[in-house]
Amino acid sequence: MNDNAPPDLTEEPEPIELPAIEFQSPGRFAVNNPDTLPSDAPLAEAAPFILGAYSTLERFGHPDEARAHALALLQQAQRSLCIYSHDLEPWLYHRSSVQEACTRFLLASPRNQLRILVRDASRAVKEGHCLLNLSRRLSSNLHLRKLNPDYPGEELAFLLADDSGLLLLPQPGQVAGYALYRDAARVRMRQTQFDQAWDTSTTDADLRSFLL
């Protein structure tokens, strides 16, 4: 063996033991992500009635029926949508199908307008309601205001589509109501009610902070 030969490079050097590092955890942190937007499963289907053509009053008493009528009106509106609401009715409007229908309506034309009046926005803000999120993205033609508590408004909720469609919930917290697809007289009456309430509506601190 040649004593002058270089050392065998395949030999691994002895591991060097490093001093221990003392680490103290700063504590636990909670991550509060917004609730996932409820998907419509099974796939939501709109009621099979034509806005401006079907004249029969359709009563409903089940959430799925109400959602089907609301979706039909939202999908078929061509110019104007108005929502008069207690708390943005999450069971009815906080749906992926509603968000998609409203997005398509608002992007279809810069003249299309969606106006929302809500009596109490605290729950919608807390839960990250899809229509609030949409109003942040499409603020130029989606407007959201709070009903004036001093204005003598009815304790009901309704949706107006153009000048002929109406979905009405007579009692807050109740699912029962009715939908109309061609009733200009009733829509005109509710539109007047909505416009008068809109003229006296206010901004809301919760809504303003959410939309910033």
N, C-alpha and C. Protein backbone atom coordinates (compact mmCIF):
# COMPACT_ATOMS: atom_id res chain seq x y z
N MET A 1 0.85 -1.18 0.00
CA MET A 1 0.00 0.00 0.00
C MET A 1 0.89 1.24 0.00
N ASN A 2 0.57 2.22 -0.86
CA ASN A 2 1.34 3.46 -0.99
C ASN A 2 0.92 4.45 0.06
N ASP A 3 1.86 4.77 0.98
CA ASP A 3 1.51 5.70 2.05
C ASP A 3 1.31 7.10 1.53
N ASN A 4 1.83 7.41 0.32
CA ASN A 4 1.67 8.75 -0.23
C ASN A 4 0.40 8.92 -1.06
N ALA A 5 -0.38 7.88 -1.22
CA ALA A 5 -1.62 7.95 -2.01
C ALA A 5 -2.63 8.83 -1.33
N PRO A 6 -3.46 9.58 -2.09
CA PRO A 6 -4.50 10.44 -1.48
C PRO A 6 -5.53 9.58 -0.78
N PRO A 7 -6.19 10.14 0.19
CA PRO A 7 -7.21 9.34 0.91
C PRO A 7 -8.35 8.94 -0.01
N ASP A 8 -8.97 7.86 0.32
CA ASP A 8 -10.11 7.34 -0.46
C ASP A 8 -11.27 8.32 -0.34
N LEU A 9 -11.66 8.92 -1.46
CA LEU A 9 -12.72 9.92 -1.46
C LEU A 9 -14.08 9.32 -1.21
N THR A 10 -14.20 8.02 -1.27
CA THR A 10 -15.50 7.39 -1.03
C THR A 10 -15.79 7.24 0.45
N GLU A 11 -14.78 7.44 1.29
CA GLU A 11 -15.00 7.31 2.71
C GLU A 11 -15.76 8.53 3.23
N GLU A 12 -16.82 8.32 4.00
CA GLU A 12 -17.63 9.40 4.53
C GLU A 12 -16.99 9.96 5.78
N PRO A 13 -16.92 11.28 5.90
CA PRO A 13 -16.32 11.87 7.10
C PRO A 13 -17.20 11.62 8.31
N GLU A 14 -16.57 11.67 9.45
CA GLU A 14 -17.31 11.48 10.69
C GLU A 14 -18.30 12.63 10.86
N PRO A 15 -19.57 12.36 11.21
CA PRO A 15 -20.56 13.43 11.38
C PRO A 15 -20.17 14.34 12.52
N ILE A 16 -20.39 15.63 12.31
CA ILE A 16 -20.10 16.63 13.33
C ILE A 16 -21.37 16.93 14.09
N GLU A 17 -21.36 16.76 15.34
CA GLU A 17 -22.54 16.98 16.17
C GLU A 17 -22.67 18.47 16.47
N LEU A 18 -23.81 19.04 16.04
CA LEU A 18 -24.05 20.46 16.24
C LEU A 18 -24.70 20.69 17.59
N PRO A 19 -24.45 21.83 18.20
CA PRO A 19 -25.11 22.12 19.49
C PRO A 19 -26.61 22.25 19.32
N ALA A 20 -27.35 21.87 20.32
CA ALA A 20 -28.82 21.95 20.28
C ALA A 20 -29.26 23.39 20.25
N ILE A 21 -30.32 23.65 19.51
CA ILE A 21 -30.89 24.99 19.41
C ILE A 21 -32.17 25.03 20.22
N GLU A 22 -32.24 25.95 21.12
CA GLU A 22 -33.43 26.07 21.96
C GLU A 22 -34.49 26.86 21.20
N PHE A 23 -35.71 26.33 21.10
CA PHE A 23 -36.80 26.99 20.37
C PHE A 23 -38.04 27.03 21.24
N GLN A 24 -38.64 28.19 21.30
CA GLN A 24 -39.88 28.35 22.04
C GLN A 24 -40.98 28.79 21.09
N SER A 25 -42.06 28.04 21.07
CA SER A 25 -43.18 28.37 20.20
C SER A 25 -43.86 29.65 20.67
N PRO A 26 -44.17 30.57 19.75
CA PRO A 26 -44.87 31.79 20.16
C PRO A 26 -46.32 31.56 20.51
N GLY A 27 -46.81 30.35 20.31
CA GLY A 27 -48.21 30.07 20.64
C GLY A 27 -48.98 29.59 19.43
N ARG A 28 -50.27 29.41 19.60
CA ARG A 28 -51.13 28.94 18.53
C ARG A 28 -51.86 30.11 17.88
N PHE A 29 -52.10 29.95 16.60
CA PHE A 29 -52.82 30.98 15.86
C PHE A 29 -54.03 30.34 15.20
N ALA A 30 -55.17 31.02 15.31
CA ALA A 30 -56.40 30.52 14.68
C ALA A 30 -56.53 31.15 13.31
N VAL A 31 -56.88 30.36 12.33
CA VAL A 31 -57.12 30.84 10.97
C VAL A 31 -58.60 30.74 10.69
N ASN A 32 -59.23 31.88 10.49
CA ASN A 32 -60.68 31.91 10.26
C ASN A 32 -60.94 32.24 8.81
N ASN A 33 -61.07 31.22 7.99
CA ASN A 33 -61.41 31.43 6.59
C ASN A 33 -62.91 31.59 6.45
N PRO A 34 -63.37 32.38 5.43
CA PRO A 34 -64.81 32.52 5.24
C PRO A 34 -65.45 31.20 4.86
N ASP A 35 -66.72 31.06 5.20
CA ASP A 35 -67.43 29.84 4.88
C ASP A 35 -67.47 29.62 3.38
N THR A 36 -67.36 28.39 2.99
CA THR A 36 -67.46 28.05 1.58
C THR A 36 -68.87 28.31 1.09
N LEU A 37 -68.97 28.90 -0.10
CA LEU A 37 -70.28 29.17 -0.67
C LEU A 37 -71.01 27.87 -0.90
N PRO A 38 -72.24 27.73 -0.37
CA PRO A 38 -72.96 26.48 -0.54
C PRO A 38 -73.17 26.15 -2.02
N SER A 39 -72.78 24.95 -2.38
CA SER A 39 -73.04 24.51 -3.74
C SER A 39 -74.45 23.97 -3.82
N ASP A 40 -74.98 23.94 -5.02
CA ASP A 40 -76.33 23.46 -5.21
C ASP A 40 -76.27 22.00 -5.62
N ALA A 41 -76.51 21.13 -4.67
CA ALA A 41 -76.47 19.71 -4.95
C ALA A 41 -77.75 19.07 -4.42
N PRO A 42 -78.50 18.39 -5.24
CA PRO A 42 -78.23 18.22 -6.67
C PRO A 42 -78.25 19.55 -7.43
N LEU A 43 -77.74 19.53 -8.65
CA LEU A 43 -77.61 20.75 -9.44
C LEU A 43 -78.92 21.51 -9.46
N ALA A 44 -78.84 22.81 -9.08
CA ALA A 44 -80.05 23.63 -9.01
C ALA A 44 -80.67 23.80 -10.38
N GLU A 45 -81.98 23.74 -10.42
CA GLU A 45 -82.72 23.94 -11.66
C GLU A 45 -83.71 25.07 -11.46
N ALA A 46 -83.77 25.96 -12.44
CA ALA A 46 -84.72 27.05 -12.39
C ALA A 46 -86.12 26.54 -12.71
N ALA A 47 -87.11 27.22 -12.18
CA ALA A 47 -88.50 26.88 -12.50
C ALA A 47 -88.73 27.05 -14.00
N PRO A 48 -89.57 26.21 -14.60
CA PRO A 48 -89.70 26.20 -16.07
C PRO A 48 -90.71 27.20 -16.61
N PHE A 49 -90.74 28.41 -16.06
CA PHE A 49 -91.71 29.41 -16.50
C PHE A 49 -90.99 30.59 -17.14
N ILE A 50 -91.65 31.21 -18.12
CA ILE A 50 -91.02 32.26 -18.91
C ILE A 50 -91.42 33.63 -18.39
N LEU A 51 -90.41 34.42 -18.07
CA LEU A 51 -90.63 35.77 -17.60
C LEU A 51 -91.30 36.60 -18.69
N GLY A 52 -92.40 37.24 -18.33
CA GLY A 52 -93.14 38.06 -19.29
C GLY A 52 -94.17 37.30 -20.10
N ALA A 53 -94.24 35.97 -19.92
CA ALA A 53 -95.17 35.17 -20.72
C ALA A 53 -96.13 34.34 -19.87
N TYR A 54 -95.67 33.82 -18.76
CA TYR A 54 -96.48 32.93 -17.92
C TYR A 54 -97.23 33.77 -16.89
N SER A 55 -98.55 33.66 -16.88
CA SER A 55 -99.36 34.59 -16.08
C SER A 55 -99.99 33.97 -14.84
N THR A 56 -99.80 32.68 -14.59
CA THR A 56 -100.42 32.04 -13.44
C THR A 56 -99.60 32.29 -12.17
N LEU A 57 -100.28 32.59 -11.08
CA LEU A 57 -99.60 32.77 -9.79
C LEU A 57 -99.15 31.41 -9.28
N GLU A 58 -97.89 31.30 -8.92
CA GLU A 58 -97.31 30.05 -8.45
C GLU A 58 -96.99 30.16 -6.95
N ARG A 59 -97.72 29.43 -6.13
CA ARG A 59 -97.45 29.43 -4.69
C ARG A 59 -96.41 28.36 -4.37
N PHE A 60 -95.64 28.60 -3.31
CA PHE A 60 -94.65 27.63 -2.87
C PHE A 60 -94.59 27.62 -1.35
N GLY A 61 -94.15 26.48 -0.81
CA GLY A 61 -94.04 26.33 0.63
C GLY A 61 -92.81 25.55 1.05
N HIS A 62 -91.91 25.33 0.10
CA HIS A 62 -90.69 24.57 0.36
C HIS A 62 -89.49 25.36 -0.14
N PRO A 63 -88.36 25.33 0.57
CA PRO A 63 -87.19 26.10 0.14
C PRO A 63 -86.75 25.82 -1.29
N ASP A 64 -86.76 24.57 -1.71
CA ASP A 64 -86.32 24.25 -3.06
C ASP A 64 -87.22 24.89 -4.11
N GLU A 65 -88.52 24.97 -3.83
CA GLU A 65 -89.44 25.62 -4.76
C GLU A 65 -89.15 27.11 -4.84
N ALA A 66 -88.93 27.73 -3.69
CA ALA A 66 -88.62 29.16 -3.68
C ALA A 66 -87.32 29.43 -4.44
N ARG A 67 -86.31 28.59 -4.23
CA ARG A 67 -85.03 28.77 -4.91
C ARG A 67 -85.19 28.62 -6.43
N ALA A 68 -86.02 27.68 -6.84
CA ALA A 68 -86.23 27.46 -8.28
C ALA A 68 -86.87 28.69 -8.93
N HIS A 69 -87.86 29.30 -8.26
CA HIS A 69 -88.50 30.50 -8.80
C HIS A 69 -87.53 31.68 -8.80
N ALA A 70 -86.80 31.85 -7.70
CA ALA A 70 -85.84 32.96 -7.64
C ALA A 70 -84.79 32.82 -8.74
N LEU A 71 -84.30 31.62 -8.94
CA LEU A 71 -83.28 31.39 -9.95
C LEU A 71 -83.84 31.68 -11.35
N ALA A 72 -85.08 31.29 -11.61
CA ALA A 72 -85.70 31.55 -12.92
C ALA A 72 -85.78 33.05 -13.18
N LEU A 73 -86.19 33.82 -12.17
CA LEU A 73 -86.30 35.26 -12.35
C LEU A 73 -84.92 35.90 -12.52
N LEU A 74 -83.95 35.48 -11.73
CA LEU A 74 -82.60 36.04 -11.84
C LEU A 74 -81.96 35.72 -13.19
N GLN A 75 -82.19 34.54 -13.70
CA GLN A 75 -81.58 34.14 -14.96
C GLN A 75 -82.22 34.82 -16.16
N GLN A 76 -83.50 35.16 -16.06
CA GLN A 76 -84.21 35.70 -17.22
C GLN A 76 -84.31 37.22 -17.26
N ALA A 77 -83.97 37.90 -16.17
CA ALA A 77 -84.04 39.36 -16.16
C ALA A 77 -83.10 39.93 -17.23
N GLN A 78 -83.56 41.00 -17.88
CA GLN A 78 -82.80 41.61 -18.96
C GLN A 78 -82.36 43.04 -18.67
N ARG A 79 -82.97 43.68 -17.67
CA ARG A 79 -82.66 45.10 -17.43
C ARG A 79 -82.45 45.43 -15.96
N SER A 80 -83.33 44.93 -15.11
CA SER A 80 -83.31 45.38 -13.72
C SER A 80 -83.66 44.26 -12.76
N LEU A 81 -82.93 44.23 -11.64
CA LEU A 81 -83.24 43.33 -10.53
C LEU A 81 -83.23 44.14 -9.24
N CYS A 82 -84.24 43.92 -8.40
CA CYS A 82 -84.32 44.58 -7.11
C CYS A 82 -84.63 43.54 -6.05
N ILE A 83 -83.88 43.58 -4.96
CA ILE A 83 -84.09 42.65 -3.85
C ILE A 83 -84.38 43.47 -2.59
N TYR A 84 -85.55 43.25 -2.03
CA TYR A 84 -85.98 43.90 -0.79
C TYR A 84 -85.99 42.80 0.26
N SER A 85 -85.12 42.96 1.29
CA SER A 85 -84.81 41.80 2.11
C SER A 85 -84.68 42.14 3.58
N HIS A 86 -84.90 41.14 4.42
CA HIS A 86 -84.67 41.31 5.85
C HIS A 86 -83.19 41.14 6.17
N ASP A 87 -82.60 40.00 5.81
CA ASP A 87 -81.19 39.74 6.10
C ASP A 87 -80.48 39.07 4.93
N LEU A 88 -80.95 39.36 3.74
CA LEU A 88 -80.45 38.73 2.51
C LEU A 88 -80.72 37.24 2.47
N GLU A 89 -81.67 36.78 3.29
CA GLU A 89 -82.16 35.40 3.26
C GLU A 89 -81.12 34.40 2.75
N PRO A 90 -80.15 34.01 3.58
CA PRO A 90 -79.10 33.10 3.12
C PRO A 90 -79.62 31.81 2.52
N TRP A 91 -80.70 31.29 3.07
CA TRP A 91 -81.25 30.02 2.55
C TRP A 91 -81.72 30.17 1.11
N LEU A 92 -82.00 31.41 0.69
CA LEU A 92 -82.52 31.65 -0.66
C LEU A 92 -81.45 32.20 -1.60
N TYR A 93 -80.66 33.16 -1.13
CA TYR A 93 -79.75 33.88 -2.02
C TYR A 93 -78.28 33.52 -1.87
N HIS A 94 -77.88 32.93 -0.76
CA HIS A 94 -76.46 32.59 -0.58
C HIS A 94 -76.19 31.23 -1.20
N ARG A 95 -76.24 31.22 -2.53
CA ARG A 95 -76.10 29.98 -3.30
C ARG A 95 -75.18 30.23 -4.48
N SER A 96 -74.45 29.21 -4.88
CA SER A 96 -73.55 29.35 -6.02
C SER A 96 -74.33 29.65 -7.30
N SER A 97 -75.52 29.07 -7.44
CA SER A 97 -76.33 29.31 -8.64
C SER A 97 -76.81 30.75 -8.70
N VAL A 98 -77.12 31.35 -7.55
CA VAL A 98 -77.54 32.75 -7.50
C VAL A 98 -76.38 33.66 -7.87
N GLN A 99 -75.22 33.37 -7.32
CA GLN A 99 -74.04 34.17 -7.64
C GLN A 99 -73.75 34.13 -9.13
N GLU A 100 -73.84 32.96 -9.72
CA GLU A 100 -73.57 32.82 -11.15
C GLU A 100 -74.60 33.58 -11.98
N ALA A 101 -75.89 33.46 -11.61
CA ALA A 101 -76.94 34.14 -12.37
C ALA A 101 -76.78 35.65 -12.28
N CYS A 102 -76.48 36.17 -11.09
CA CYS A 102 -76.32 37.61 -10.93
C CYS A 102 -75.08 38.11 -11.66
N THR A 103 -74.02 37.33 -11.64
CA THR A 103 -72.81 37.73 -12.35
C THR A 103 -73.07 37.84 -13.85
N ARG A 104 -73.75 36.86 -14.40
CA ARG A 104 -74.07 36.90 -15.83
C ARG A 104 -74.96 38.08 -16.17
N PHE A 105 -75.94 38.35 -15.32
CA PHE A 105 -76.85 39.48 -15.55
C PHE A 105 -76.07 40.79 -15.56
N LEU A 106 -75.19 40.98 -14.59
CA LEU A 106 -74.47 42.25 -14.46
C LEU A 106 -73.45 42.44 -15.57
N LEU A 107 -72.85 41.36 -16.04
CA LEU A 107 -71.85 41.46 -17.10
C LEU A 107 -72.46 41.51 -18.49
N ALA A 108 -73.75 41.22 -18.60
CA ALA A 108 -74.40 41.18 -19.91
C ALA A 108 -74.49 42.57 -20.53
N SER A 109 -74.64 43.60 -19.70
CA SER A 109 -74.76 44.96 -20.21
C SER A 109 -74.38 45.94 -19.11
N PRO A 110 -73.67 47.02 -19.42
CA PRO A 110 -73.34 48.02 -18.40
C PRO A 110 -74.57 48.76 -17.89
N ARG A 111 -75.68 48.64 -18.60
CA ARG A 111 -76.91 49.30 -18.16
C ARG A 111 -77.70 48.46 -17.17
N ASN A 112 -77.39 47.18 -17.06
CA ASN A 112 -78.11 46.32 -16.13
C ASN A 112 -77.79 46.73 -14.69
N GLN A 113 -78.83 46.76 -13.86
CA GLN A 113 -78.67 47.21 -12.48
C GLN A 113 -79.29 46.20 -11.52
N LEU A 114 -78.53 45.89 -10.48
CA LEU A 114 -79.04 45.09 -9.36
C LEU A 114 -78.95 45.96 -8.11
N ARG A 115 -80.12 46.26 -7.51
CA ARG A 115 -80.17 47.05 -6.29
C ARG A 115 -80.71 46.17 -5.16
N ILE A 116 -80.07 46.28 -4.02
CA ILE A 116 -80.44 45.46 -2.86
C ILE A 116 -80.67 46.36 -1.66
N LEU A 117 -81.82 46.19 -1.02
CA LEU A 117 -82.14 46.85 0.24
C LEU A 117 -82.24 45.78 1.32
N VAL A 118 -81.49 45.95 2.40
CA VAL A 118 -81.49 44.96 3.47
C VAL A 118 -81.77 45.66 4.80
N ARG A 119 -82.56 45.01 5.63
CA ARG A 119 -82.91 45.60 6.92
C ARG A 119 -81.80 45.38 7.95
N ASP A 120 -81.23 44.19 7.97
CA ASP A 120 -80.18 43.85 8.94
C ASP A 120 -79.09 43.09 8.21
N ALA A 121 -77.94 43.72 8.05
CA ALA A 121 -76.85 43.12 7.27
C ALA A 121 -75.83 42.39 8.12
N SER A 122 -76.02 42.35 9.44
CA SER A 122 -74.99 41.79 10.31
C SER A 122 -74.70 40.32 9.99
N ARG A 123 -75.73 39.53 9.79
CA ARG A 123 -75.50 38.11 9.50
C ARG A 123 -74.83 37.93 8.14
N ALA A 124 -75.28 38.69 7.16
CA ALA A 124 -74.69 38.59 5.82
C ALA A 124 -73.21 38.94 5.84
N VAL A 125 -72.86 39.98 6.61
CA VAL A 125 -71.46 40.38 6.71
C VAL A 125 -70.65 39.30 7.43
N LYS A 126 -71.18 38.78 8.52
CA LYS A 126 -70.48 37.77 9.31
C LYS A 126 -70.22 36.50 8.51
N GLU A 127 -71.20 36.10 7.70
CA GLU A 127 -71.08 34.85 6.95
C GLU A 127 -70.47 35.04 5.57
N GLY A 128 -70.14 36.27 5.19
CA GLY A 128 -69.55 36.49 3.88
C GLY A 128 -70.50 36.15 2.75
N HIS A 129 -71.70 36.71 2.79
CA HIS A 129 -72.74 36.42 1.80
C HIS A 129 -72.23 36.65 0.38
N CYS A 130 -72.60 35.77 -0.52
CA CYS A 130 -72.07 35.84 -1.89
C CYS A 130 -72.45 37.13 -2.60
N LEU A 131 -73.61 37.71 -2.30
CA LEU A 131 -74.00 38.95 -2.96
C LEU A 131 -73.19 40.14 -2.44
N LEU A 132 -72.77 40.08 -1.19
CA LEU A 132 -71.87 41.12 -0.69
C LEU A 132 -70.52 41.01 -1.39
N ASN A 133 -70.03 39.80 -1.51
CA ASN A 133 -68.75 39.60 -2.21
C ASN A 133 -68.84 40.05 -3.66
N LEU A 134 -69.98 39.77 -4.29
CA LEU A 134 -70.16 40.17 -5.68
C LEU A 134 -70.20 41.69 -5.81
N SER A 135 -70.78 42.36 -4.83
CA SER A 135 -70.87 43.82 -4.88
C SER A 135 -69.49 44.47 -4.78
N ARG A 136 -68.53 43.78 -4.21
CA ARG A 136 -67.17 44.30 -4.16
C ARG A 136 -66.51 44.24 -5.53
N ARG A 137 -66.85 43.22 -6.30
CA ARG A 137 -66.23 43.02 -7.61
C ARG A 137 -66.92 43.83 -8.70
N LEU A 138 -68.24 44.01 -8.58
CA LEU A 138 -69.02 44.68 -9.62
C LEU A 138 -69.77 45.86 -9.03
N SER A 139 -69.04 46.73 -8.40
CA SER A 139 -69.66 47.83 -7.65
C SER A 139 -70.30 48.89 -8.54
N SER A 140 -69.97 48.90 -9.83
CA SER A 140 -70.51 49.94 -10.70
C SER A 140 -72.00 49.74 -11.00
N ASN A 141 -72.47 48.50 -10.99
CA ASN A 141 -73.89 48.28 -11.28
C ASN A 141 -74.58 47.33 -10.30
N LEU A 142 -73.93 47.07 -9.16
CA LEU A 142 -74.59 46.37 -8.06
C LEU A 142 -74.50 47.29 -6.84
N HIS A 143 -75.65 47.73 -6.37
CA HIS A 143 -75.70 48.70 -5.28
C HIS A 143 -76.47 48.11 -4.11
N LEU A 144 -75.90 48.27 -2.93
CA LEU A 144 -76.48 47.67 -1.73
C LEU A 144 -76.62 48.72 -0.65
N ARG A 145 -77.82 48.85 -0.10
CA ARG A 145 -78.10 49.85 0.92
C ARG A 145 -78.89 49.23 2.06
N LYS A 146 -78.94 49.97 3.18
CA LYS A 146 -79.69 49.51 4.34
C LYS A 146 -81.01 50.27 4.44
N LEU A 147 -82.07 49.54 4.73
CA LEU A 147 -83.38 50.16 4.94
C LEU A 147 -83.31 51.12 6.12
N ASN A 148 -83.90 52.27 5.95
CA ASN A 148 -83.95 53.25 7.03
C ASN A 148 -84.85 52.73 8.15
N PRO A 149 -84.32 52.56 9.37
CA PRO A 149 -85.14 52.02 10.46
C PRO A 149 -86.31 52.93 10.82
N ASP A 150 -86.23 54.22 10.44
CA ASP A 150 -87.32 55.15 10.74
C ASP A 150 -88.37 55.19 9.63
N TYR A 151 -88.08 54.48 8.52
CA TYR A 151 -89.02 54.46 7.40
C TYR A 151 -90.05 53.36 7.64
N PRO A 152 -91.34 53.68 7.54
CA PRO A 152 -92.38 52.68 7.84
C PRO A 152 -92.53 51.64 6.72
N GLY A 153 -91.59 50.71 6.65
CA GLY A 153 -91.65 49.68 5.62
C GLY A 153 -92.29 48.40 6.13
N GLU A 154 -92.79 47.59 5.20
CA GLU A 154 -93.42 46.33 5.56
C GLU A 154 -92.36 45.29 5.93
N GLU A 155 -92.74 44.41 6.85
CA GLU A 155 -91.87 43.31 7.24
C GLU A 155 -92.07 42.13 6.30
N LEU A 156 -91.55 42.28 5.10
CA LEU A 156 -91.64 41.21 4.11
C LEU A 156 -90.38 41.24 3.26
N ALA A 157 -90.32 40.33 2.30
CA ALA A 157 -89.18 40.28 1.40
C ALA A 157 -89.68 39.99 0.00
N PHE A 158 -89.04 40.60 -0.99
CA PHE A 158 -89.44 40.31 -2.37
C PHE A 158 -88.30 40.54 -3.33
N LEU A 159 -88.45 39.95 -4.51
CA LEU A 159 -87.51 40.07 -5.62
C LEU A 159 -88.29 40.54 -6.83
N LEU A 160 -87.77 41.56 -7.50
CA LEU A 160 -88.39 42.09 -8.72
C LEU A 160 -87.46 41.85 -9.90
N ALA A 161 -88.02 41.34 -10.99
CA ALA A 161 -87.25 41.11 -12.21
C ALA A 161 -87.89 41.87 -13.36
N ASP A 162 -87.16 42.85 -13.88
CA ASP A 162 -87.67 43.73 -14.93
C ASP A 162 -89.00 44.35 -14.48
N ASP A 163 -89.96 44.42 -15.37
CA ASP A 163 -91.24 45.03 -15.02
C ASP A 163 -92.38 44.03 -14.97
N SER A 164 -92.04 42.74 -14.85
CA SER A 164 -93.11 41.74 -14.89
C SER A 164 -92.95 40.60 -13.89
N GLY A 165 -91.78 40.40 -13.31
CA GLY A 165 -91.54 39.26 -12.42
C GLY A 165 -91.47 39.65 -10.96
N LEU A 166 -92.07 38.82 -10.11
CA LEU A 166 -92.10 39.08 -8.67
C LEU A 166 -92.06 37.78 -7.90
N LEU A 167 -91.20 37.71 -6.90
CA LEU A 167 -91.22 36.64 -5.90
C LEU A 167 -91.42 37.32 -4.55
N LEU A 168 -92.43 36.89 -3.79
CA LEU A 168 -92.75 37.57 -2.54
C LEU A 168 -92.84 36.59 -1.39
N LEU A 169 -92.18 36.95 -0.27
CA LEU A 169 -92.25 36.21 0.99
C LEU A 169 -92.96 37.11 1.99
N PRO A 170 -94.24 36.85 2.29
CA PRO A 170 -95.01 37.76 3.13
C PRO A 170 -94.53 37.86 4.57
N GLN A 171 -93.97 36.78 5.12
CA GLN A 171 -93.57 36.76 6.52
C GLN A 171 -92.07 36.52 6.65
N PRO A 172 -91.35 37.38 7.40
CA PRO A 172 -89.92 37.16 7.61
C PRO A 172 -89.68 35.81 8.30
N GLY A 173 -88.69 35.08 7.81
CA GLY A 173 -88.36 33.80 8.39
C GLY A 173 -89.23 32.65 7.92
N GLN A 174 -90.23 32.95 7.10
CA GLN A 174 -91.12 31.91 6.58
C GLN A 174 -90.77 31.63 5.12
N VAL A 175 -90.87 30.38 4.74
CA VAL A 175 -90.54 29.98 3.37
C VAL A 175 -91.72 30.19 2.43
N ALA A 176 -92.93 30.11 2.92
CA ALA A 176 -94.12 30.18 2.07
C ALA A 176 -94.22 31.54 1.39
N GLY A 177 -94.63 31.51 0.12
CA GLY A 177 -94.83 32.74 -0.64
C GLY A 177 -95.36 32.42 -2.02
N TYR A 178 -95.15 33.33 -2.95
CA TYR A 178 -95.61 33.08 -4.31
C TYR A 178 -94.71 33.79 -5.31
N ALA A 179 -94.80 33.34 -6.56
CA ALA A 179 -94.02 33.93 -7.65
C ALA A 179 -94.95 34.26 -8.81
N LEU A 180 -94.66 35.37 -9.46
CA LEU A 180 -95.39 35.81 -10.65
C LEU A 180 -94.37 36.11 -11.75
N TYR A 181 -94.73 35.73 -12.97
CA TYR A 181 -93.83 35.95 -14.09
C TYR A 181 -94.36 36.97 -15.08
N ARG A 182 -95.64 37.30 -14.97
CA ARG A 182 -96.21 38.36 -15.83
C ARG A 182 -97.36 39.03 -15.09
N ASP A 183 -97.00 40.03 -14.31
CA ASP A 183 -98.01 40.79 -13.59
C ASP A 183 -97.48 42.21 -13.40
N ALA A 184 -97.65 43.01 -14.44
CA ALA A 184 -97.09 44.36 -14.44
C ALA A 184 -97.67 45.21 -13.32
N ALA A 185 -98.96 45.03 -12.99
CA ALA A 185 -99.59 45.87 -11.98
C ALA A 185 -98.97 45.63 -10.60
N ARG A 186 -98.82 44.37 -10.21
CA ARG A 186 -98.24 44.08 -8.90
C ARG A 186 -96.76 44.45 -8.84
N VAL A 187 -96.06 44.22 -9.93
CA VAL A 187 -94.65 44.59 -9.95
C VAL A 187 -94.50 46.11 -9.85
N ARG A 188 -95.37 46.84 -10.55
CA ARG A 188 -95.31 48.29 -10.48
C ARG A 188 -95.55 48.79 -9.05
N MET A 189 -96.50 48.17 -8.35
CA MET A 189 -96.78 48.55 -6.97
C MET A 189 -95.57 48.29 -6.07
N ARG A 190 -94.96 47.12 -6.21
CA ARG A 190 -93.79 46.79 -5.39
C ARG A 190 -92.58 47.62 -5.81
N GLN A 191 -92.49 47.97 -7.08
CA GLN A 191 -91.37 48.79 -7.54
C GLN A 191 -91.46 50.19 -6.92
N THR A 192 -92.68 50.72 -6.84
CA THR A 192 -92.87 52.02 -6.18
C THR A 192 -92.46 51.94 -4.72
N GLN A 193 -92.87 50.86 -4.05
CA GLN A 193 -92.49 50.65 -2.66
C GLN A 193 -90.97 50.58 -2.52
N PHE A 194 -90.33 49.85 -3.42
CA PHE A 194 -88.88 49.71 -3.36
C PHE A 194 -88.20 51.06 -3.59
N ASP A 195 -88.63 51.79 -4.60
CA ASP A 195 -87.98 53.06 -4.93
C ASP A 195 -88.12 54.07 -3.79
N GLN A 196 -89.28 54.10 -3.16
CA GLN A 196 -89.48 55.02 -2.03
C GLN A 196 -88.56 54.65 -0.87
N ALA A 197 -88.44 53.34 -0.60
CA ALA A 197 -87.54 52.90 0.47
C ALA A 197 -86.09 53.18 0.10
N TRP A 198 -85.75 53.02 -1.18
CA TRP A 198 -84.38 53.28 -1.63
C TRP A 198 -84.02 54.76 -1.43
N ASP A 199 -84.96 55.66 -1.70
CA ASP A 199 -84.69 57.09 -1.58
C ASP A 199 -84.42 57.50 -0.14
N THR A 200 -84.91 56.74 0.81
CA THR A 200 -84.69 57.07 2.23
C THR A 200 -83.67 56.13 2.88
N SER A 201 -83.06 55.26 2.11
CA SER A 201 -82.13 54.27 2.66
C SER A 201 -80.84 54.93 3.12
N THR A 202 -80.05 54.19 3.87
CA THR A 202 -78.82 54.72 4.45
C THR A 202 -77.66 53.78 4.15
N THR A 203 -76.47 54.28 4.40
CA THR A 203 -75.30 53.41 4.37
C THR A 203 -75.17 52.76 5.74
N ASP A 204 -74.51 51.63 5.79
CA ASP A 204 -74.37 50.88 7.03
C ASP A 204 -72.88 50.70 7.33
N ALA A 205 -72.50 50.91 8.60
CA ALA A 205 -71.08 50.81 8.95
C ALA A 205 -70.54 49.41 8.66
N ASP A 206 -71.33 48.36 8.96
CA ASP A 206 -70.87 47.00 8.70
C ASP A 206 -70.67 46.77 7.21
N LEU A 207 -71.65 47.23 6.42
CA LEU A 207 -71.55 47.05 4.98
C LEU A 207 -70.37 47.83 4.42
N ARG A 208 -70.20 49.06 4.88
CA ARG A 208 -69.13 49.90 4.37
C ARG A 208 -67.76 49.28 4.65
N SER A 209 -67.58 48.78 5.88
CA SER A 209 -66.29 48.17 6.22
C SER A 209 -66.07 46.88 5.45
N PHE A 210 -67.16 46.14 5.18
CA PHE A 210 -67.01 44.89 4.43
C PHE A 210 -66.65 45.16 2.98
N LEU A 211 -67.23 46.22 2.41
CA LEU A 211 -67.05 46.47 1.00
C LEU A 211 -65.77 47.24 0.68
N LEU A 212 -65.12 47.80 1.68
CA LEU A 212 -63.87 48.52 1.43
C LEU A 212 -62.77 47.56 0.97
